């Protein structure tokens, strides 16, 4: 399995956000997308997830069972955005149960909450949680449904150092099982073997050559 982007370009209205972005992320690998604000990090994640159509180029998942049977790339992906996608009036367990029913089974809800350091909070309304706790519940959503490709945008926002380390451990386990992670971030995620793709801050520019792209070497 390999996630492949070839000369991707994405427009927002009349503005080209980026152009000529290429990468290859094999199973068991992470691609960390870096760059200043406005360079297109979040846009790239959304394009891979299928929320934004490329103006040019393509992105695909090679070598995945079902890929030739009408499955779209998005159906193999988890997408974790800035928004935690939690309903405040529902309990933590009800929120995670919704996503599990909608996307399919994975890890047990209580086991997922334990993985993110929040055991026993399933009965608490999500609206009562702190910003860091909400982010950790959102990360638990990655666990309660099995998907091989994780697309995460600033995943450690609002997390303290201990929770950030816990997230890195979760990612390493996902990679160890053959999963793929693409992360847009300003922060160090603690993934020593990650590949890097640096986007320029000038609209329409190609990615910075030292950022890696398709030939990125593990750092």
C-alpha atoms as a PDB file:
ATOM      1  CA  UNK A   1       0.000   0.000   0.000  1.00  0.00           C
ATOM      2  CA  UNK A   2       1.231   3.478  -0.866  1.00  0.00           C
ATOM      3  CA  UNK A   3      -0.369   6.933  -0.860  1.00  0.00           C
ATOM      4  CA  UNK A   4       0.744   8.792  -3.977  1.00  0.00           C
ATOM      5  CA  UNK A   5       0.245  12.421  -4.974  1.00  0.00           C
ATOM      6  CA  UNK A   6       1.364  13.509  -8.438  1.00  0.00           C
ATOM      7  CA  UNK A   7       1.826  17.201  -9.305  1.00  0.00           C
ATOM      8  CA  UNK A   8      -1.175  18.292  -7.256  1.00  0.00           C
ATOM      9  CA  UNK A   9      -2.546  21.805  -7.601  1.00  0.00           C
ATOM     10  CA  UNK A  10      -5.479  23.210  -5.628  1.00  0.00           C
ATOM     11  CA  UNK A  11      -7.369  26.468  -6.168  1.00  0.00           C
ATOM     12  CA  UNK A  12      -9.528  28.364  -3.701  1.00  0.00           C
ATOM     13  CA  UNK A  13     -11.704  30.722  -5.716  1.00  0.00           C
ATOM     14  CA  UNK A  14      -9.418  32.552  -8.163  1.00  0.00           C
ATOM     15  CA  UNK A  15      -6.275  31.866  -6.129  1.00  0.00           C
ATOM     16  CA  UNK A  16      -3.947  28.931  -6.635  1.00  0.00           C
ATOM     17  CA  UNK A  17      -2.888  27.743  -3.191  1.00  0.00           C
ATOM     18  CA  UNK A  18      -0.113  25.412  -4.364  1.00  0.00           C
ATOM     19  CA  UNK A  19       1.053  23.752  -7.545  1.00  0.00           C
ATOM     20  CA  UNK A  20       3.221  20.803  -8.505  1.00  0.00           C
ATOM     21  CA  UNK A  21       3.079  18.997  -5.147  1.00  0.00           C
ATOM     22  CA  UNK A  22       4.184  15.357  -5.380  1.00  0.00           C
ATOM     23  CA  UNK A  23       4.807  12.772  -2.683  1.00  0.00           C
ATOM     24  CA  UNK A  24       4.822   9.044  -2.035  1.00  0.00           C
ATOM     25  CA  UNK A  25       4.074   7.648   1.422  1.00  0.00           C
ATOM     26  CA  UNK A  26       4.528   3.863   1.738  1.00  0.00           C
ATOM     27  CA  UNK A  27       2.726   1.731   4.292  1.00  0.00           C
ATOM     28  CA  UNK A  28       4.245   2.174   7.727  1.00  0.00           C
ATOM     29  CA  UNK A  29       5.372   5.742   6.998  1.00  0.00           C
ATOM     30  CA  UNK A  30       4.403   9.266   8.063  1.00  0.00           C
ATOM     31  CA  UNK A  31       4.579  12.425   5.962  1.00  0.00           C
ATOM     32  CA  UNK A  32       4.802  15.667   7.948  1.00  0.00           C
ATOM     33  CA  UNK A  33       3.679  18.700   5.923  1.00  0.00           C
ATOM     34  CA  UNK A  34       5.280  21.938   7.107  1.00  0.00           C
ATOM     35  CA  UNK A  35       5.235  25.571   6.030  1.00  0.00           C
ATOM     36  CA  UNK A  36       4.115  29.010   7.155  1.00  0.00           C
ATOM     37  CA  UNK A  37       0.494  30.086   7.500  1.00  0.00           C
ATOM     38  CA  UNK A  38      -1.191  30.323   4.118  1.00  0.00           C
ATOM     39  CA  UNK A  39       1.179  27.889   2.413  1.00  0.00           C
ATOM     40  CA  UNK A  40      -1.545  25.283   1.951  1.00  0.00           C
ATOM     41  CA  UNK A  41      -0.921  22.671   4.635  1.00  0.00           C
ATOM     42  CA  UNK A  42      -4.592  22.322   5.621  1.00  0.00           C
ATOM     43  CA  UNK A  43      -5.634  22.605   1.982  1.00  0.00           C
ATOM     44  CA  UNK A  44      -3.424  19.659   1.045  1.00  0.00           C
ATOM     45  CA  UNK A  45      -4.907  17.527   3.824  1.00  0.00           C
ATOM     46  CA  UNK A  46      -8.439  18.409   2.653  1.00  0.00           C
ATOM     47  CA  UNK A  47      -7.552  17.602  -0.952  1.00  0.00           C
ATOM     48  CA  UNK A  48      -6.248  14.163   0.001  1.00  0.00           C
ATOM     49  CA  UNK A  49      -9.407  13.581   2.064  1.00  0.00           C
ATOM     50  CA  UNK A  50     -11.554  14.427  -0.958  1.00  0.00           C
ATOM     51  CA  UNK A  51     -13.063  17.658   0.383  1.00  0.00           C
ATOM     52  CA  UNK A  52     -11.339  19.824  -2.241  1.00  0.00           C
ATOM     53  CA  UNK A  53     -10.990  18.737  -5.882  1.00  0.00           C
ATOM     54  CA  UNK A  54      -7.512  19.125  -7.383  1.00  0.00           C
ATOM     55  CA  UNK A  55      -7.227  21.715 -10.128  1.00  0.00           C
ATOM     56  CA  UNK A  56      -4.468  19.543 -11.575  1.00  0.00           C
ATOM     57  CA  UNK A  57      -2.682  16.326 -10.747  1.00  0.00           C
ATOM     58  CA  UNK A  58      -3.998  13.362  -8.788  1.00  0.00           C
ATOM     59  CA  UNK A  59      -3.836  11.532  -5.486  1.00  0.00           C
ATOM     60  CA  UNK A  60      -4.468   7.820  -5.054  1.00  0.00           C
ATOM     61  CA  UNK A  61      -3.919   4.833  -2.782  1.00  0.00           C
ATOM     62  CA  UNK A  62      -2.026   2.041  -4.527  1.00  0.00           C
ATOM     63  CA  UNK A  63      -2.076  -1.593  -3.482  1.00  0.00           C
ATOM     64  CA  UNK A  64      -5.088  -1.404  -1.139  1.00  0.00           C
ATOM     65  CA  UNK A  65      -7.659  -4.218  -1.144  1.00  0.00           C
ATOM     66  CA  UNK A  66     -10.936  -2.823  -2.462  1.00  0.00           C
ATOM     67  CA  UNK A  67      -9.259   0.034  -4.337  1.00  0.00           C
ATOM     68  CA  UNK A  68     -10.264  -1.598  -7.626  1.00  0.00           C
ATOM     69  CA  UNK A  69     -13.829  -2.286  -6.471  1.00  0.00           C
ATOM     70  CA  UNK A  70     -15.171   1.252  -6.517  1.00  0.00           C
ATOM     71  CA  UNK A  71     -13.764   2.324  -3.138  1.00  0.00           C
ATOM     72  CA  UNK A  72     -12.700   5.959  -3.071  1.00  0.00           C
ATOM     73  CA  UNK A  73      -9.535   7.048  -1.306  1.00  0.00           C
ATOM     74  CA  UNK A  74     -11.671   8.910   1.240  1.00  0.00           C
ATOM     75  CA  UNK A  75     -13.255   5.638   2.351  1.00  0.00           C
ATOM     76  CA  UNK A  76      -9.853   4.426   3.519  1.00  0.00           C
ATOM     77  CA  UNK A  77      -9.092   7.631   5.446  1.00  0.00           C
ATOM     78  CA  UNK A  78      -9.619   9.203   8.843  1.00  0.00           C
ATOM     79  CA  UNK A  79      -9.682  13.013   8.778  1.00  0.00           C
ATOM     80  CA  UNK A  80      -8.902  14.911  11.977  1.00  0.00           C
ATOM     81  CA  UNK A  81      -9.269  18.668  11.457  1.00  0.00           C
ATOM     82  CA  UNK A  82      -8.844  21.700  13.735  1.00  0.00           C
ATOM     83  CA  UNK A  83     -12.485  21.206  14.733  1.00  0.00           C
ATOM     84  CA  UNK A  84     -12.829  18.263  17.105  1.00  0.00           C
ATOM     85  CA  UNK A  85     -16.264  17.370  15.657  1.00  0.00           C
ATOM     86  CA  UNK A  86     -17.858  16.735  19.056  1.00  0.00           C
ATOM     87  CA  UNK A  87     -21.468  17.430  20.027  1.00  0.00           C
ATOM     88  CA  UNK A  88     -21.299  19.130  23.419  1.00  0.00           C
ATOM     89  CA  UNK A  89     -24.700  17.921  24.599  1.00  0.00           C
ATOM     90  CA  UNK A  90     -23.819  14.263  23.925  1.00  0.00           C
ATOM     91  CA  UNK A  91     -21.640  12.224  26.247  1.00  0.00           C
ATOM     92  CA  UNK A  92     -18.135  11.288  25.222  1.00  0.00           C
ATOM     93  CA  UNK A  93     -19.251   7.689  24.642  1.00  0.00           C
ATOM     94  CA  UNK A  94     -22.230   8.812  22.549  1.00  0.00           C
ATOM     95  CA  UNK A  95     -19.972  10.945  20.372  1.00  0.00           C
ATOM     96  CA  UNK A  96     -17.535   8.093  19.771  1.00  0.00           C
ATOM     97  CA  UNK A  97     -20.360   5.605  19.300  1.00  0.00           C
ATOM     98  CA  UNK A  98     -21.808   7.789  16.527  1.00  0.00           C
ATOM     99  CA  UNK A  99     -18.541   7.763  14.615  1.00  0.00           C
ATOM    100  CA  UNK A 100     -18.105   4.051  15.196  1.00  0.00           C
ATOM    101  CA  UNK A 101     -21.581   3.298  13.811  1.00  0.00           C
ATOM    102  CA  UNK A 102     -21.054   5.674  10.898  1.00  0.00           C
ATOM    103  CA  UNK A 103     -17.552   4.563   9.904  1.00  0.00           C
ATOM    104  CA  UNK A 104     -17.388   0.975  11.148  1.00  0.00           C
ATOM    105  CA  UNK A 105     -15.891  -0.885  14.109  1.00  0.00           C
ATOM    106  CA  UNK A 106     -12.408  -0.601  15.548  1.00  0.00           C
ATOM    107  CA  UNK A 107     -11.112  -0.478  19.091  1.00  0.00           C
ATOM    108  CA  UNK A 108     -13.624  -0.649  21.952  1.00  0.00           C
ATOM    109  CA  UNK A 109     -14.633   2.859  23.119  1.00  0.00           C
ATOM    110  CA  UNK A 110     -13.400   2.487  26.680  1.00  0.00           C
ATOM    111  CA  UNK A 111     -10.134   0.980  25.466  1.00  0.00           C
ATOM    112  CA  UNK A 112      -9.693   3.927  23.070  1.00  0.00           C
ATOM    113  CA  UNK A 113     -10.306   6.412  25.889  1.00  0.00           C
ATOM    114  CA  UNK A 114      -7.700   4.652  28.002  1.00  0.00           C
ATOM    115  CA  UNK A 115      -5.206   4.929  25.127  1.00  0.00           C
ATOM    116  CA  UNK A 116      -5.619   8.720  25.114  1.00  0.00           C
ATOM    117  CA  UNK A 117      -5.402   8.946  28.902  1.00  0.00           C
ATOM    118  CA  UNK A 118      -9.089   9.550  29.606  1.00  0.00           C
ATOM    119  CA  UNK A 119     -10.388   6.344  31.187  1.00  0.00           C
ATOM    120  CA  UNK A 120     -13.822   6.417  32.773  1.00  0.00           C
ATOM    121  CA  UNK A 121     -15.107   9.678  31.234  1.00  0.00           C
ATOM    122  CA  UNK A 122     -17.516   8.098  28.743  1.00  0.00           C
ATOM    123  CA  UNK A 123     -20.620   9.292  30.626  1.00  0.00           C
ATOM    124  CA  UNK A 124     -19.522  12.955  30.795  1.00  0.00           C
ATOM    125  CA  UNK A 125     -21.082  15.396  28.284  1.00  0.00           C
ATOM    126  CA  UNK A 126     -18.402  16.470  25.811  1.00  0.00           C
ATOM    127  CA  UNK A 127     -19.282  20.121  26.421  1.00  0.00           C
ATOM    128  CA  UNK A 128     -17.917  19.864  29.969  1.00  0.00           C
ATOM    129  CA  UNK A 129     -14.417  18.908  28.834  1.00  0.00           C
ATOM    130  CA  UNK A 130     -11.381  21.154  28.635  1.00  0.00           C
ATOM    131  CA  UNK A 131      -9.852  22.009  25.249  1.00  0.00           C
ATOM    132  CA  UNK A 132      -7.114  19.419  25.763  1.00  0.00           C
ATOM    133  CA  UNK A 133      -9.593  16.722  26.771  1.00  0.00           C
ATOM    134  CA  UNK A 134     -11.738  17.426  23.718  1.00  0.00           C
ATOM    135  CA  UNK A 135      -8.700  17.053  21.503  1.00  0.00           C
ATOM    136  CA  UNK A 136      -7.858  13.733  23.103  1.00  0.00           C
ATOM    137  CA  UNK A 137     -11.423  12.483  22.557  1.00  0.00           C
ATOM    138  CA  UNK A 138     -11.099  13.523  18.912  1.00  0.00           C
ATOM    139  CA  UNK A 139      -7.879  11.483  18.717  1.00  0.00           C
ATOM    140  CA  UNK A 140      -9.763   8.529  20.227  1.00  0.00           C
ATOM    141  CA  UNK A 141     -12.006   8.712  17.153  1.00  0.00           C
ATOM    142  CA  UNK A 142      -9.017   7.533  15.117  1.00  0.00           C
ATOM    143  CA  UNK A 143      -8.994   4.377  17.221  1.00  0.00           C
ATOM    144  CA  UNK A 144     -12.667   3.407  17.483  1.00  0.00           C
ATOM    145  CA  UNK A 145     -12.882   2.903  13.704  1.00  0.00           C
ATOM    146  CA  UNK A 146     -10.151   1.166  11.734  1.00  0.00           C
ATOM    147  CA  UNK A 147      -8.829   3.118   8.742  1.00  0.00           C
ATOM    148  CA  UNK A 148      -5.371   2.641   7.173  1.00  0.00           C
ATOM    149  CA  UNK A 149      -4.747   6.315   6.283  1.00  0.00           C
ATOM    150  CA  UNK A 150      -4.832   9.052   8.941  1.00  0.00           C
ATOM    151  CA  UNK A 151      -4.980  12.664   7.726  1.00  0.00           C
ATOM    152  CA  UNK A 152      -4.434  14.963  10.703  1.00  0.00           C
ATOM    153  CA  UNK A 153      -4.290  18.765  10.862  1.00  0.00           C
ATOM    154  CA  UNK A 154      -2.411  20.234  13.842  1.00  0.00           C
ATOM    155  CA  UNK A 155      -3.229  17.072  15.826  1.00  0.00           C
ATOM    156  CA  UNK A 156      -1.440  18.151  19.010  1.00  0.00           C
ATOM    157  CA  UNK A 157      -3.093  21.577  19.263  1.00  0.00           C
ATOM    158  CA  UNK A 158      -4.228  22.191  22.890  1.00  0.00           C
ATOM    159  CA  UNK A 159      -2.298  19.144  24.152  1.00  0.00           C
ATOM    160  CA  UNK A 160       0.230  19.270  26.969  1.00  0.00           C
ATOM    161  CA  UNK A 161       3.611  17.553  26.631  1.00  0.00           C
ATOM    162  CA  UNK A 162       2.438  14.255  28.149  1.00  0.00           C
ATOM    163  CA  UNK A 163      -0.582  14.066  25.851  1.00  0.00           C
ATOM    164  CA  UNK A 164       1.587  14.955  22.861  1.00  0.00           C
ATOM    165  CA  UNK A 165       3.892  12.059  23.701  1.00  0.00           C
ATOM    166  CA  UNK A 166       0.887   9.772  24.046  1.00  0.00           C
ATOM    167  CA  UNK A 167      -0.305  10.826  20.592  1.00  0.00           C
ATOM    168  CA  UNK A 168       3.144  10.080  19.140  1.00  0.00           C
ATOM    169  CA  UNK A 169       2.977   6.588  20.685  1.00  0.00           C
ATOM    170  CA  UNK A 170      -0.471   6.039  19.117  1.00  0.00           C
ATOM    171  CA  UNK A 171       0.852   7.124  15.715  1.00  0.00           C
ATOM    172  CA  UNK A 172       3.910   4.877  15.984  1.00  0.00           C
ATOM    173  CA  UNK A 173       1.673   1.895  16.750  1.00  0.00           C
ATOM    174  CA  UNK A 174      -0.514   2.716  13.732  1.00  0.00           C
ATOM    175  CA  UNK A 175       2.566   2.925  11.519  1.00  0.00           C
ATOM    176  CA  UNK A 176       3.884  -0.296  13.005  1.00  0.00           C
ATOM    177  CA  UNK A 177       0.728  -2.077  11.859  1.00  0.00           C
ATOM    178  CA  UNK A 178       1.257  -0.854   8.290  1.00  0.00           C
ATOM    179  CA  UNK A 179      -0.798   2.332   8.454  1.00  0.00           C
ATOM    180  CA  UNK A 180      -0.061   5.690   6.827  1.00  0.00           C
ATOM    181  CA  UNK A 181      -0.156   9.140   8.450  1.00  0.00           C
ATOM    182  CA  UNK A 182      -0.106  12.560   6.773  1.00  0.00           C
ATOM    183  CA  UNK A 183       0.152  15.374   9.323  1.00  0.00           C
ATOM    184  CA  UNK A 184      -0.001  19.128   8.726  1.00  0.00           C
ATOM    185  CA  UNK A 185       1.631  20.852  11.663  1.00  0.00           C
ATOM    186  CA  UNK A 186       3.847  23.628  13.002  1.00  0.00           C
ATOM    187  CA  UNK A 187       4.904  21.425  15.918  1.00  0.00           C
ATOM    188  CA  UNK A 188       7.359  18.601  16.422  1.00  0.00           C
ATOM    189  CA  UNK A 189       5.304  15.399  16.618  1.00  0.00           C
ATOM    190  CA  UNK A 190       8.201  13.301  17.876  1.00  0.00           C
ATOM    191  CA  UNK A 191       8.199  11.022  14.798  1.00  0.00           C
ATOM    192  CA  UNK A 192      11.898  10.470  14.181  1.00  0.00           C
ATOM    193  CA  UNK A 193      11.439   8.381  11.010  1.00  0.00           C
ATOM    194  CA  UNK A 194       8.937  10.727   9.341  1.00  0.00           C
ATOM    195  CA  UNK A 195       9.311  12.123   5.829  1.00  0.00           C
ATOM    196  CA  UNK A 196       8.869  15.870   5.410  1.00  0.00           C
ATOM    197  CA  UNK A 197       7.237  18.022   2.741  1.00  0.00           C
ATOM    198  CA  UNK A 198       7.773  21.778   3.062  1.00  0.00           C
ATOM    199  CA  UNK A 199       5.281  24.036   1.293  1.00  0.00           C
ATOM    200  CA  UNK A 200       6.186  27.545   0.193  1.00  0.00           C
ATOM    201  CA  UNK A 201       4.200  30.551   1.375  1.00  0.00           C
ATOM    202  CA  UNK A 202       3.873  32.006  -2.124  1.00  0.00           C
ATOM    203  CA  UNK A 203       0.725  30.995  -3.986  1.00  0.00           C
ATOM    204  CA  UNK A 204       1.420  28.844  -7.002  1.00  0.00           C
ATOM    205  CA  UNK A 205       4.979  27.965  -5.991  1.00  0.00           C
ATOM    206  CA  UNK A 206       6.290  24.436  -5.964  1.00  0.00           C
ATOM    207  CA  UNK A 207       7.135  22.738  -2.664  1.00  0.00           C
ATOM    208  CA  UNK A 208      10.534  23.521  -1.264  1.00  0.00           C
ATOM    209  CA  UNK A 209      13.028  20.961  -2.615  1.00  0.00           C
ATOM    210  CA  UNK A 210      14.536  20.290   0.824  1.00  0.00           C
ATOM    211  CA  UNK A 211      11.054  19.308   2.017  1.00  0.00           C
ATOM    212  CA  UNK A 212      11.250  15.900   0.395  1.00  0.00           C
ATOM    213  CA  UNK A 213       8.272  15.285  -1.875  1.00  0.00           C
ATOM    214  CA  UNK A 214       8.255  11.976  -3.710  1.00  0.00           C
ATOM    215  CA  UNK A 215      11.924  11.355  -2.998  1.00  0.00           C
ATOM    216  CA  UNK A 216      11.754  12.291   0.674  1.00  0.00           C
ATOM    217  CA  UNK A 217      14.236  10.434   2.826  1.00  0.00           C
ATOM    218  CA  UNK A 218      13.432   9.453   6.369  1.00  0.00           C
ATOM    219  CA  UNK A 219      14.726  12.072   8.764  1.00  0.00           C
END
